Amino acid sequence: MIGLDNIRFLGCGLVRPECVLTHASGLLFTADWAGEGGVAVVRPDGAVRRVPALRPNGIALEPGGSFLIADLGVEDGGVFRLYPDGTVEPVVTELGGRAFPPTNYVHRDASGRLWITVSTRRVPRNLGYRADVDDGFVVLADAHGARIVADALGYTNECLVSPDGRHLYVNETFTRRLSRFPIREGALGEKEVVAEFSEGSFPDGLTFDAEGCVWITSIVTNRVIRVRPDGAQEIVIEDADPAHVAWVEAAYRAGELGRPHLDKIASRRLANISSLAFGGPDLRTAYLGCLLGDSIAFFDGPVAGDRPPHFDYPLDALEAV
């Protein structure tokens, strides 16, 4: 396990940097709720500049330097495009002729398809923080439009197409599962549970390493969990207080988990980590998004990460602003 003293921090003044992306240039991009909200661009020296817009949850980078943002609205959501000059345009805002629900995450794969997650149909969303609720879903948006391709999921969170392009991996946070679906032509096949997680683990973000393992971030316990292809698990980092975890677990078992349990943290260094992205020249630096911190934590990983499709995208439009 990596010691907490090996964790360093980059940037400052961020608000809810839930989702972090890396780039070959050394820039980091993260969702940011400071001021008007939008995307924060964090330089290698820690300097921060912002592209203001909506308050995004998940974000995805597009060629040229524009962003796709998942809008976690109170009643409605959807996916919007944020240009480097701050212009916003809708991308996917309706589903079956109705307004898109509050939207958790958007992933742009190597083919340009969008995979979008809605965690729960319940309003308010904290009613979905239960082990017995499975009303989350995944939407595929491509040249044929947007439609639900996977349903009945237990609080759908981050999703990611595997490096070989054969499966879509999905975290189900409050049923504590990592699942995957075979990708068919314009659809998904039957769900397969890759890993189930134990007490204190609530899987949120995910990414792949170069050895085919999945790295999972867990809220509440600040765990980074490495899941091998056979489902075996290894805790890489943990920063949790046993009494705090017991309080959250008691509420979870009673079906009473709510925002107060996620908006507080008892830890030494990490602040409710929610995503992970490998970056740096050798892709061995792991950067952590979080729900409650004001900077990006990072550490040197034991293996390199898989090179994401967006890592080498040109940033012409972003650099021109």
C-alpha atoms as a PDB file:
ATOM      1  CA  MET A   1       0.000   0.000   0.000  1.00  0.00           C
ATOM      2  CA  ILE A   2       1.225   3.488  -0.833  1.00  0.00           C
ATOM      3  CA  GLY A   3       1.749   5.680   2.223  1.00  0.00           C
ATOM      4  CA  LEU A   4      -0.218   8.875   2.611  1.00  0.00           C
ATOM      5  CA  ASP A   5       3.020  10.845   2.994  1.00  0.00           C
ATOM      6  CA  ASN A   6       3.712  10.075  -0.673  1.00  0.00           C
ATOM      7  CA  ILE A   7       0.681  12.096  -1.779  1.00  0.00           C
ATOM      8  CA  ARG A   8       1.300  15.590  -3.146  1.00  0.00           C
ATOM      9  CA  PHE A   9      -1.053  18.315  -4.356  1.00  0.00           C
ATOM     10  CA  LEU A  10      -1.360  20.547  -7.409  1.00  0.00           C
ATOM     11  CA  GLY A  11      -3.443  23.687  -7.930  1.00  0.00           C
ATOM     12  CA  CYS A  12      -5.533  25.567  -5.391  1.00  0.00           C
ATOM     13  CA  GLY A  13      -8.896  27.264  -5.034  1.00  0.00           C
ATOM     14  CA  LEU A  14     -10.818  24.523  -6.831  1.00  0.00           C
ATOM     15  CA  VAL A  15     -14.377  23.710  -5.771  1.00  0.00           C
ATOM     16  CA  ARG A  16     -15.607  20.125  -6.093  1.00  0.00           C
ATOM     17  CA  PRO A  17     -13.009  18.966  -8.658  1.00  0.00           C
ATOM     18  CA  GLU A  18     -14.930  15.693  -9.018  1.00  0.00           C
ATOM     19  CA  CYS A  19     -13.589  14.563 -12.397  1.00  0.00           C
ATOM     20  CA  VAL A  20      -9.967  14.955 -13.548  1.00  0.00           C
ATOM     21  CA  LEU A  21      -8.471  14.376 -17.013  1.00  0.00           C
ATOM     22  CA  THR A  22      -4.812  14.320 -18.060  1.00  0.00           C
ATOM     23  CA  HIS A  23      -3.121  15.341 -21.318  1.00  0.00           C
ATOM     24  CA  ALA A  24       0.258  14.777 -22.967  1.00  0.00           C
ATOM     25  CA  SER A  25       0.952  18.531 -22.676  1.00  0.00           C
ATOM     26  CA  GLY A  26       1.072  18.179 -18.894  1.00  0.00           C
ATOM     27  CA  LEU A  27      -2.167  20.102 -18.447  1.00  0.00           C
ATOM     28  CA  LEU A  28      -4.881  18.762 -16.164  1.00  0.00           C
ATOM     29  CA  PHE A  29      -8.570  19.452 -16.710  1.00  0.00           C
ATOM     30  CA  THR A  30     -11.116  19.153 -13.949  1.00  0.00           C
ATOM     31  CA  ALA A  31     -14.740  19.923 -13.275  1.00  0.00           C
ATOM     32  CA  ASP A  32     -14.939  23.015 -11.064  1.00  0.00           C
ATOM     33  CA  TRP A  33     -17.831  24.669  -9.249  1.00  0.00           C
ATOM     34  CA  ALA A  34     -16.045  27.895  -8.294  1.00  0.00           C
ATOM     35  CA  GLY A  35     -17.948  31.033  -9.294  1.00  0.00           C
ATOM     36  CA  GLU A  36     -20.037  30.292 -12.375  1.00  0.00           C
ATOM     37  CA  GLY A  37     -18.635  26.776 -12.510  1.00  0.00           C
ATOM     38  CA  GLY A  38     -17.072  25.180 -15.563  1.00  0.00           C
ATOM     39  CA  VAL A  39     -13.754  23.490 -16.287  1.00  0.00           C
ATOM     40  CA  ALA A  40     -10.492  24.369 -14.554  1.00  0.00           C
ATOM     41  CA  VAL A  41      -7.230  24.086 -16.493  1.00  0.00           C
ATOM     42  CA  VAL A  42      -4.360  23.280 -14.135  1.00  0.00           C
ATOM     43  CA  ARG A  43      -0.815  23.851 -15.399  1.00  0.00           C
ATOM     44  CA  PRO A  44       2.159  21.713 -14.299  1.00  0.00           C
ATOM     45  CA  ASP A  45       3.305  24.600 -12.090  1.00  0.00           C
ATOM     46  CA  GLY A  46      -0.081  24.612 -10.307  1.00  0.00           C
ATOM     47  CA  ALA A  47      -1.460  27.768 -11.933  1.00  0.00           C
ATOM     48  CA  VAL A  48      -5.205  27.588 -12.573  1.00  0.00           C
ATOM     49  CA  ARG A  49      -7.344  29.241 -15.205  1.00  0.00           C
ATOM     50  CA  ARG A  50     -11.017  28.641 -15.790  1.00  0.00           C
ATOM     51  CA  VAL A  51     -13.411  28.184 -18.667  1.00  0.00           C
ATOM     52  CA  PRO A  52     -16.701  29.231 -17.021  1.00  0.00           C
ATOM     53  CA  ALA A  53     -19.999  27.498 -17.731  1.00  0.00           C
ATOM     54  CA  LEU A  54     -22.480  25.209 -16.001  1.00  0.00           C
ATOM     55  CA  ARG A  55     -21.577  23.226 -12.912  1.00  0.00           C
ATOM     56  CA  PRO A  56     -20.405  19.938 -14.420  1.00  0.00           C
ATOM     57  CA  ASN A  57     -20.029  16.571 -12.763  1.00  0.00           C
ATOM     58  CA  GLY A  58     -18.189  14.423 -15.323  1.00  0.00           C
ATOM     59  CA  ILE A  59     -16.248  15.983 -18.184  1.00  0.00           C
ATOM     60  CA  ALA A  60     -14.685  14.712 -21.430  1.00  0.00           C
ATOM     61  CA  LEU A  61     -12.092  16.330 -23.695  1.00  0.00           C
ATOM     62  CA  GLU A  62     -12.694  16.737 -27.435  1.00  0.00           C
ATOM     63  CA  PRO A  63     -10.154  17.244 -30.245  1.00  0.00           C
ATOM     64  CA  GLY A  64      -9.200  20.903 -30.432  1.00  0.00           C
ATOM     65  CA  GLY A  65      -9.717  21.590 -26.740  1.00  0.00           C
ATOM     66  CA  SER A  66     -13.470  21.868 -26.255  1.00  0.00           C
ATOM     67  CA  PHE A  67     -15.160  19.927 -23.470  1.00  0.00           C
ATOM     68  CA  LEU A  68     -18.250  17.817 -23.025  1.00  0.00           C
ATOM     69  CA  ILE A  69     -19.825  18.342 -19.625  1.00  0.00           C
ATOM     70  CA  ALA A  70     -22.429  16.278 -17.804  1.00  0.00           C
ATOM     71  CA  ASP A  71     -24.882  18.673 -16.192  1.00  0.00           C
ATOM     72  CA  LEU A  72     -25.907  17.577 -12.708  1.00  0.00           C
ATOM     73  CA  GLY A  73     -28.955  19.811 -12.544  1.00  0.00           C
ATOM     74  CA  VAL A  74     -31.560  19.687  -9.786  1.00  0.00           C
ATOM     75  CA  GLU A  75     -34.351  18.413 -12.062  1.00  0.00           C
ATOM     76  CA  ASP A  76     -32.897  18.317 -15.601  1.00  0.00           C
ATOM     77  CA  GLY A  77     -29.462  17.562 -16.960  1.00  0.00           C
ATOM     78  CA  GLY A  78     -27.930  16.454 -20.240  1.00  0.00           C
ATOM     79  CA  VAL A  79     -24.619  16.846 -21.997  1.00  0.00           C
ATOM     80  CA  PHE A  80     -23.341  20.202 -23.235  1.00  0.00           C
ATOM     81  CA  ARG A  81     -20.315  21.330 -25.209  1.00  0.00           C
ATOM     82  CA  LEU A  82     -18.131  23.993 -23.621  1.00  0.00           C
ATOM     83  CA  TYR A  83     -15.829  25.861 -25.983  1.00  0.00           C
ATOM     84  CA  PRO A  84     -12.603  27.441 -24.714  1.00  0.00           C
ATOM     85  CA  ASP A  85     -14.094  30.940 -25.110  1.00  0.00           C
ATOM     86  CA  GLY A  86     -16.929  30.008 -22.712  1.00  0.00           C
ATOM     87  CA  THR A  87     -19.599  29.402 -25.342  1.00  0.00           C
ATOM     88  CA  VAL A  88     -21.976  26.580 -24.423  1.00  0.00           C
ATOM     89  CA  GLU A  89     -24.154  24.551 -26.776  1.00  0.00           C
ATOM     90  CA  PRO A  90     -26.460  21.586 -26.106  1.00  0.00           C
ATOM     91  CA  VAL A  91     -25.366  18.156 -27.322  1.00  0.00           C
ATOM     92  CA  VAL A  92     -27.824  15.713 -25.726  1.00  0.00           C
ATOM     93  CA  THR A  93     -30.650  17.296 -23.728  1.00  0.00           C
ATOM     94  CA  GLU A  94     -33.628  15.039 -24.521  1.00  0.00           C
ATOM     95  CA  LEU A  95     -34.252  11.357 -24.196  1.00  0.00           C
ATOM     96  CA  GLY A  96     -37.353   9.894 -25.819  1.00  0.00           C
ATOM     97  CA  GLY A  97     -38.820  13.371 -26.232  1.00  0.00           C
ATOM     98  CA  ARG A  98     -38.449  14.238 -22.544  1.00  0.00           C
ATOM     99  CA  ALA A  99     -35.893  16.364 -20.721  1.00  0.00           C
ATOM    100  CA  PHE A 100     -32.711  14.509 -19.839  1.00  0.00           C
ATOM    101  CA  PRO A 101     -32.479  13.719 -16.100  1.00  0.00           C
ATOM    102  CA  PRO A 102     -29.640  15.044 -13.899  1.00  0.00           C
ATOM    103  CA  THR A 103     -26.562  13.592 -15.554  1.00  0.00           C
ATOM    104  CA  ASN A 104     -23.582  12.067 -13.798  1.00  0.00           C
ATOM    105  CA  TYR A 105     -20.920  11.323 -16.375  1.00  0.00           C
ATOM    106  CA  VAL A 106     -19.994  11.445 -20.061  1.00  0.00           C
ATOM    107  CA  HIS A 107     -17.278   9.400 -21.758  1.00  0.00           C
ATOM    108  CA  ARG A 108     -16.166  10.012 -25.360  1.00  0.00           C
ATOM    109  CA  ASP A 109     -14.613   6.848 -26.753  1.00  0.00           C
ATOM    110  CA  ALA A 110     -11.994   6.438 -29.484  1.00  0.00           C
ATOM    111  CA  SER A 111     -14.751   6.286 -32.132  1.00  0.00           C
ATOM    112  CA  GLY A 112     -16.373   9.529 -30.979  1.00  0.00           C
ATOM    113  CA  ARG A 113     -19.410   7.828 -29.428  1.00  0.00           C
ATOM    114  CA  LEU A 114     -20.744   9.247 -26.172  1.00  0.00           C
ATOM    115  CA  TRP A 115     -21.532   7.005 -23.217  1.00  0.00           C
ATOM    116  CA  ILE A 116     -23.622   8.879 -20.655  1.00  0.00           C
ATOM    117  CA  THR A 117     -24.681   7.783 -17.182  1.00  0.00           C
ATOM    118  CA  VAL A 118     -27.713   8.740 -15.125  1.00  0.00           C
ATOM    119  CA  SER A 119     -27.289   7.499 -11.569  1.00  0.00           C
ATOM    120  CA  THR A 120     -30.928   7.334 -10.520  1.00  0.00           C
ATOM    121  CA  ARG A 121     -34.393   8.387 -11.641  1.00  0.00           C
ATOM    122  CA  ARG A 122     -35.284   9.380  -8.084  1.00  0.00           C
ATOM    123  CA  VAL A 123     -35.678  13.011  -7.035  1.00  0.00           C
ATOM    124  CA  PRO A 124     -33.897  14.095  -4.972  1.00  0.00           C
ATOM    125  CA  ARG A 125     -30.981  11.906  -5.989  1.00  0.00           C
ATOM    126  CA  ASN A 126     -30.052  10.946  -2.440  1.00  0.00           C
ATOM    127  CA  LEU A 127     -33.108   8.643  -2.483  1.00  0.00           C
ATOM    128  CA  GLY A 128     -30.958   6.456  -4.722  1.00  0.00           C
ATOM    129  CA  TYR A 129     -28.192   6.024  -2.117  1.00  0.00           C
ATOM    130  CA  ARG A 130     -29.495   2.559  -1.239  1.00  0.00           C
ATOM    131  CA  ALA A 131     -28.458  -1.027  -1.816  1.00  0.00           C
ATOM    132  CA  ASP A 132     -31.979  -1.950  -2.956  1.00  0.00           C
ATOM    133  CA  VAL A 133     -32.362   0.794  -5.617  1.00  0.00           C
ATOM    134  CA  ASP A 134     -31.404  -0.073  -9.185  1.00  0.00           C
ATOM    135  CA  ASP A 135     -32.933   2.565 -11.430  1.00  0.00           C
ATOM    136  CA  GLY A 136     -29.753   3.992 -12.960  1.00  0.00           C
ATOM    137  CA  PHE A 137     -28.973   3.637 -16.655  1.00  0.00           C
ATOM    138  CA  VAL A 138     -26.486   4.175 -19.482  1.00  0.00           C
ATOM    139  CA  VAL A 139     -27.247   6.128 -22.656  1.00  0.00           C
ATOM    140  CA  LEU A 140     -25.366   5.745 -25.928  1.00  0.00           C
ATOM    141  CA  ALA A 141     -25.353   8.800 -28.207  1.00  0.00           C
ATOM    142  CA  ASP A 142     -24.013   8.240 -31.720  1.00  0.00           C
ATOM    143  CA  ALA A 143     -24.972   8.908 -35.328  1.00  0.00           C
ATOM    144  CA  HIS A 144     -28.298   7.133 -34.718  1.00  0.00           C
ATOM    145  CA  GLY A 145     -29.305   9.372 -31.814  1.00  0.00           C
ATOM    146  CA  ALA A 146     -29.443   8.862 -28.053  1.00  0.00           C
ATOM    147  CA  ARG A 147     -31.059   5.829 -26.414  1.00  0.00           C
ATOM    148  CA  ILE A 148     -30.806   3.773 -23.234  1.00  0.00           C
ATOM    149  CA  VAL A 149     -28.565   0.742 -23.782  1.00  0.00           C
ATOM    150  CA  ALA A 150     -28.310  -0.528 -20.183  1.00  0.00           C
ATOM    151  CA  ASP A 151     -30.846  -0.142 -17.396  1.00  0.00           C
ATOM    152  CA  ALA A 152     -31.596  -1.320 -13.842  1.00  0.00           C
ATOM    153  CA  LEU A 153     -28.187  -0.310 -12.474  1.00  0.00           C
ATOM    154  CA  GLY A 154     -27.417   0.487  -8.844  1.00  0.00           C
ATOM    155  CA  TYR A 155     -26.492   4.178  -8.957  1.00  0.00           C
ATOM    156  CA  THR A 156     -24.592   4.364 -12.231  1.00  0.00           C
ATOM    157  CA  ASN A 157     -21.395   6.361 -11.920  1.00  0.00           C
ATOM    158  CA  GLU A 158     -18.328   6.592 -14.154  1.00  0.00           C
ATOM    159  CA  CYS A 159     -18.176   4.379 -17.247  1.00  0.00           C
ATOM    160  CA  LEU A 160     -15.296   3.617 -19.582  1.00  0.00           C
ATOM    161  CA  VAL A 161     -14.719   1.597 -22.753  1.00  0.00           C
ATOM    162  CA  SER A 162     -11.969  -0.967 -22.239  1.00  0.00           C
ATOM    163  CA  PRO A 163      -8.644  -0.445 -24.051  1.00  0.00           C
ATOM    164  CA  ASP A 164      -9.469  -3.242 -26.518  1.00  0.00           C
ATOM    165  CA  GLY A 165     -12.826  -1.620 -27.306  1.00  0.00           C
ATOM    166  CA  ARG A 166     -14.788  -4.773 -26.503  1.00  0.00           C
ATOM    167  CA  HIS A 167     -16.526  -3.847 -23.224  1.00  0.00           C
ATOM    168  CA  LEU A 168     -18.071  -0.905 -21.425  1.00  0.00           C
ATOM    169  CA  TYR A 169     -17.132  -0.926 -17.735  1.00  0.00           C
ATOM    170  CA  VAL A 170     -19.493   0.779 -15.265  1.00  0.00           C
ATOM    171  CA  ASN A 171     -19.328   1.506 -11.549  1.00  0.00           C
ATOM    172  CA  GLU A 172     -22.542   0.917  -9.588  1.00  0.00           C
ATOM    173  CA  THR A 173     -21.780   2.962  -6.498  1.00  0.00           C
ATOM    174  CA  PHE A 174     -24.461   2.034  -3.991  1.00  0.00           C
ATOM    175  CA  THR A 175     -24.847  -1.595  -4.962  1.00  0.00           C
ATOM    176  CA  ARG A 176     -21.045  -1.744  -4.679  1.00  0.00           C
ATOM    177  CA  ARG A 177     -20.297  -3.390  -8.007  1.00  0.00           C
ATOM    178  CA  LEU A 178     -17.998  -2.983 -10.974  1.00  0.00           C
ATOM    179  CA  SER A 179     -19.869  -4.327 -13.986  1.00  0.00           C
ATOM    180  CA  ARG A 180     -19.183  -4.586 -17.679  1.00  0.00           C
ATOM    181  CA  PHE A 181     -21.160  -5.067 -20.884  1.00  0.00           C
ATOM    182  CA  PRO A 182     -19.990  -6.446 -24.234  1.00  0.00           C
ATOM    183  CA  ILE A 183     -20.273  -3.747 -26.878  1.00  0.00           C
ATOM    184  CA  ARG A 184     -22.424  -4.735 -29.834  1.00  0.00           C
ATOM    185  CA  GLU A 185     -23.188  -2.740 -32.964  1.00  0.00           C
ATOM    186  CA  GLY A 186     -25.031   0.241 -31.521  1.00  0.00           C
ATOM    187  CA  ALA A 187     -26.000  -1.638 -28.348  1.00  0.00           C
ATOM    188  CA  LEU A 188     -24.727  -3.470 -25.286  1.00  0.00           C
ATOM    189  CA  GLY A 189     -24.909  -7.147 -24.431  1.00  0.00           C
ATOM    190  CA  GLU A 190     -25.746  -8.774 -21.109  1.00  0.00           C
ATOM    191  CA  LYS A 191     -24.213  -7.432 -17.908  1.00  0.00           C
ATOM    192  CA  GLU A 192     -21.357  -9.255 -16.211  1.00  0.00           C
ATOM    193  CA  VAL A 193     -20.326  -8.398 -12.638  1.00  0.00           C
ATOM    194  CA  VAL A 194     -16.532  -8.038 -12.569  1.00  0.00           C
ATOM    195  CA  ALA A 195     -16.103  -7.295  -8.851  1.00  0.00           C
ATOM    196  CA  GLU A 196     -18.196  -6.723  -5.740  1.00  0.00           C
ATOM    197  CA  PHE A 197     -16.867  -4.504  -3.004  1.00  0.00           C
ATOM    198  CA  SER A 198     -16.897  -4.889   0.745  1.00  0.00           C
ATOM    199  CA  GLU A 199     -17.747  -2.630   3.675  1.00  0.00           C
ATOM    200  CA  GLY A 200     -16.506   0.911   3.247  1.00  0.00           C
ATOM    201  CA  SER A 201     -16.070   0.710  -0.522  1.00  0.00           C
ATOM    202  CA  PHE A 202     -18.378   2.809  -2.702  1.00  0.00           C
ATOM    203  CA  PRO A 203     -16.935   2.716  -6.254  1.00  0.00           C
ATOM    204  CA  ASP A 204     -17.094   6.046  -8.070  1.00  0.00           C
ATOM    205  CA  GLY A 205     -14.341   6.646 -10.648  1.00  0.00           C
ATOM    206  CA  LEU A 206     -12.400   4.148 -12.757  1.00  0.00           C
ATOM    207  CA  THR A 207      -9.544   3.905 -15.217  1.00  0.00           C
ATOM    208  CA  PHE A 208      -7.285   1.210 -16.679  1.00  0.00           C
ATOM    209  CA  ASP A 209      -3.597   0.548 -16.286  1.00  0.00           C
ATOM    210  CA  ALA A 210      -1.229  -0.836 -18.903  1.00  0.00           C
ATOM    211  CA  GLU A 211      -1.564  -4.355 -17.465  1.00  0.00           C
ATOM    212  CA  GLY A 212      -5.330  -4.546 -17.987  1.00  0.00           C
ATOM    213  CA  CYS A 213      -6.298  -3.887 -14.375  1.00  0.00           C
ATOM    214  CA  VAL A 214      -9.055  -1.454 -13.396  1.00  0.00           C
ATOM    215  CA  TRP A 215      -8.309   1.243 -10.817  1.00  0.00           C
ATOM    216  CA  ILE A 216     -11.311   2.252  -8.723  1.00  0.00           C
ATOM    217  CA  THR A 217     -11.754   5.248  -6.450  1.00  0.00           C
ATOM    218  CA  SER A 218     -14.038   4.861  -3.447  1.00  0.00           C
ATOM    219  CA  ILE A 219     -15.752   7.792  -1.803  1.00  0.00           C
ATOM    220  CA  VAL A 220     -16.047   7.842   2.024  1.00  0.00           C
ATOM    221  CA  THR A 221     -12.954   5.696   2.654  1.00  0.00           C
ATOM    222  CA  ASN A 222     -10.652   7.422   0.148  1.00  0.00           C
ATOM    223  CA  ARG A 223      -9.648   4.035  -1.190  1.00  0.00           C
ATOM    224  CA  VAL A 224      -7.909   3.384  -4.464  1.00  0.00           C
ATOM    225  CA  ILE A 225      -8.573  -0.242  -5.369  1.00  0.00           C
ATOM    226  CA  ARG A 226      -6.814  -2.118  -8.162  1.00  0.00           C
ATOM    227  CA  VAL A 227      -9.015  -4.829  -9.655  1.00  0.00           C
ATOM    228  CA  ARG A 228      -7.248  -7.519 -11.672  1.00  0.00           C
ATOM    229  CA  PRO A 229      -8.849  -9.134 -14.743  1.00  0.00           C
ATOM    230  CA  ASP A 230      -9.827 -12.157 -12.610  1.00  0.00           C
ATOM    231  CA  GLY A 231     -11.637  -9.882 -10.117  1.00  0.00           C
ATOM    232  CA  ALA A 232      -8.992 -10.032  -7.380  1.00  0.00           C
ATOM    233  CA  GLN A 233      -8.654  -6.751  -5.498  1.00  0.00           C
ATOM    234  CA  GLU A 234      -5.739  -4.866  -3.967  1.00  0.00           C
ATOM    235  CA  ILE A 235      -6.077  -1.666  -1.923  1.00  0.00           C
ATOM    236  CA  VAL A 236      -3.422   0.759  -3.165  1.00  0.00           C
ATOM    237  CA  ILE A 237      -4.314   3.710  -0.916  1.00  0.00           C
ATOM    238  CA  GLU A 238      -6.705   4.236   1.971  1.00  0.00           C
ATOM    239  CA  ASP A 239      -7.296   7.324   4.087  1.00  0.00           C
ATOM    240  CA  ALA A 240     -10.252   6.743   6.394  1.00  0.00           C
ATOM    241  CA  ASP A 241     -11.322   7.109  10.009  1.00  0.00           C
ATOM    242  CA  PRO A 242     -12.930   3.913  11.399  1.00  0.00           C
ATOM    243  CA  ALA A 243     -15.558   5.792  13.414  1.00  0.00           C
ATOM    244  CA  HIS A 244     -16.600   7.850  10.401  1.00  0.00           C
ATOM    245  CA  VAL A 245     -16.826   4.754   8.220  1.00  0.00           C
ATOM    246  CA  ALA A 246     -18.913   2.969  10.851  1.00  0.00           C
ATOM    247  CA  TRP A 247     -21.318   5.947  10.961  1.00  0.00           C
ATOM    248  CA  VAL A 248     -21.722   5.886   7.167  1.00  0.00           C
ATOM    249  CA  GLU A 249     -22.100   2.104   7.067  1.00  0.00           C
ATOM    250  CA  ALA A 250     -24.801   2.146   9.748  1.00  0.00           C
ATOM    251  CA  ALA A 251     -26.811   4.670   7.722  1.00  0.00           C
ATOM    252  CA  TYR A 252     -26.250   2.651   4.535  1.00  0.00           C
ATOM    253  CA  ARG A 253     -27.482  -0.587   6.100  1.00  0.00           C
ATOM    254  CA  ALA A 254     -30.538   1.219   7.495  1.00  0.00           C
ATOM    255  CA  GLY A 255     -31.370   2.745   4.089  1.00  0.00           C
ATOM    256  CA  GLU A 256     -30.800   6.231   5.509  1.00  0.00           C
ATOM    257  CA  LEU A 257     -27.654   7.331   3.704  1.00  0.00           C
ATOM    258  CA  GLY A 258     -27.852  10.998   2.688  1.00  0.00           C
ATOM    259  CA  ARG A 259     -25.871  14.060   1.755  1.00  0.00           C
ATOM    260  CA  PRO A 260     -24.551  14.655   5.298  1.00  0.00           C
ATOM    261  CA  HIS A 261     -22.725  11.312   5.092  1.00  0.00           C
ATOM    262  CA  LEU A 262     -20.990  12.278   1.846  1.00  0.00           C
ATOM    263  CA  ASP A 263     -20.418  15.968   2.549  1.00  0.00           C
ATOM    264  CA  LYS A 264     -18.254  15.294   5.596  1.00  0.00           C
ATOM    265  CA  ILE A 265     -14.928  13.514   5.705  1.00  0.00           C
ATOM    266  CA  ALA A 266     -12.626  12.289   8.470  1.00  0.00           C
ATOM    267  CA  SER A 267      -9.207  11.698   6.952  1.00  0.00           C
ATOM    268  CA  ARG A 268      -5.575  12.749   7.053  1.00  0.00           C
ATOM    269  CA  ARG A 269      -4.898  13.985   3.528  1.00  0.00           C
ATOM    270  CA  LEU A 270      -7.566  13.016   1.007  1.00  0.00           C
ATOM    271  CA  ALA A 271     -10.962  14.688   0.675  1.00  0.00           C
ATOM    272  CA  ASN A 272     -13.492  12.145  -0.614  1.00  0.00           C
ATOM    273  CA  ILE A 273     -11.716  11.022  -3.779  1.00  0.00           C
ATOM    274  CA  SER A 274     -13.968  10.381  -6.749  1.00  0.00           C
ATOM    275  CA  SER A 275     -11.869   9.860  -9.895  1.00  0.00           C
ATOM    276  CA  LEU A 276      -8.403   8.861 -11.050  1.00  0.00           C
ATOM    277  CA  ALA A 277      -6.428   9.577 -14.221  1.00  0.00           C
ATOM    278  CA  PHE A 278      -2.896   8.515 -15.117  1.00  0.00           C
ATOM    279  CA  GLY A 279      -0.648  11.187 -16.592  1.00  0.00           C
ATOM    280  CA  GLY A 280       2.899  12.452 -16.831  1.00  0.00           C
ATOM    281  CA  PRO A 281       5.505  11.609 -19.504  1.00  0.00           C
ATOM    282  CA  ASP A 282       5.420   7.897 -18.643  1.00  0.00           C
ATOM    283  CA  LEU A 283       1.758   7.730 -17.514  1.00  0.00           C
ATOM    284  CA  ARG A 284       2.884   6.608 -14.058  1.00  0.00           C
ATOM    285  CA  THR A 285       1.542   9.608 -12.125  1.00  0.00           C
ATOM    286  CA  ALA A 286      -1.957   9.057 -10.725  1.00  0.00           C
ATOM    287  CA  TYR A 287      -4.089  12.188 -10.279  1.00  0.00           C
ATOM    288  CA  LEU A 288      -7.167  12.129  -8.044  1.00  0.00           C
ATOM    289  CA  GLY A 289     -10.377  14.117  -8.411  1.00  0.00           C
ATOM    290  CA  CYS A 290     -12.351  14.681  -5.221  1.00  0.00           C
ATOM    291  CA  LEU A 291     -15.650  15.964  -3.865  1.00  0.00           C
ATOM    292  CA  LEU A 292     -14.462  18.052  -0.930  1.00  0.00           C
ATOM    293  CA  GLY A 293     -10.904  19.241  -1.633  1.00  0.00           C
ATOM    294  CA  ASP A 294      -9.624  22.420  -3.307  1.00  0.00           C
ATOM    295  CA  SER A 295      -6.698  20.886  -5.232  1.00  0.00           C
ATOM    296  CA  ILE A 296      -5.691  17.761  -7.159  1.00  0.00           C
ATOM    297  CA  ALA A 297      -3.897  15.058  -5.178  1.00  0.00           C
ATOM    298  CA  PHE A 298      -1.354  12.930  -7.007  1.00  0.00           C
ATOM    299  CA  PHE A 299       1.127  10.127  -6.374  1.00  0.00           C
ATOM    300  CA  ASP A 300       3.593   7.970  -8.288  1.00  0.00           C
ATOM    301  CA  GLY A 301       1.951   4.717  -9.292  1.00  0.00           C
ATOM    302  CA  PRO A 302       3.604   1.284  -9.316  1.00  0.00           C
ATOM    303  CA  VAL A 303       2.567   0.700 -12.954  1.00  0.00           C
ATOM    304  CA  ALA A 304       1.790   2.885 -15.948  1.00  0.00           C
ATOM    305  CA  GLY A 305      -1.741   3.743 -16.882  1.00  0.00           C
ATOM    306  CA  ASP A 306      -3.374   2.946 -20.186  1.00  0.00           C
ATOM    307  CA  ARG A 307      -3.074   5.810 -22.669  1.00  0.00           C
ATOM    308  CA  PRO A 308      -6.588   7.292 -22.971  1.00  0.00           C
ATOM    309  CA  PRO A 309      -7.881   8.322 -26.431  1.00  0.00           C
ATOM    310  CA  HIS A 310      -7.944  12.027 -25.516  1.00  0.00           C
ATOM    311  CA  PHE A 311      -4.356  12.096 -24.185  1.00  0.00           C
ATOM    312  CA  ASP A 312      -2.870  13.227 -27.517  1.00  0.00           C
ATOM    313  CA  TYR A 313      -5.730  15.367 -28.810  1.00  0.00           C
ATOM    314  CA  PRO A 314      -4.629  18.710 -30.311  1.00  0.00           C
ATOM    315  CA  LEU A 315      -5.580  21.698 -28.164  1.00  0.00           C
ATOM    316  CA  ASP A 316      -5.516  24.398 -30.844  1.00  0.00           C
ATOM    317  CA  ALA A 317      -8.711  26.158 -29.797  1.00  0.00           C
ATOM    318  CA  LEU A 318      -7.812  26.058 -26.123  1.00  0.00           C
ATOM    319  CA  GLU A 319      -4.309  27.402 -26.705  1.00  0.00           C
ATOM    320  CA  ALA A 320      -5.681  30.222 -28.862  1.00  0.00           C
ATOM    321  CA  VAL A 321      -7.748  31.678 -26.001  1.00  0.00           C
END
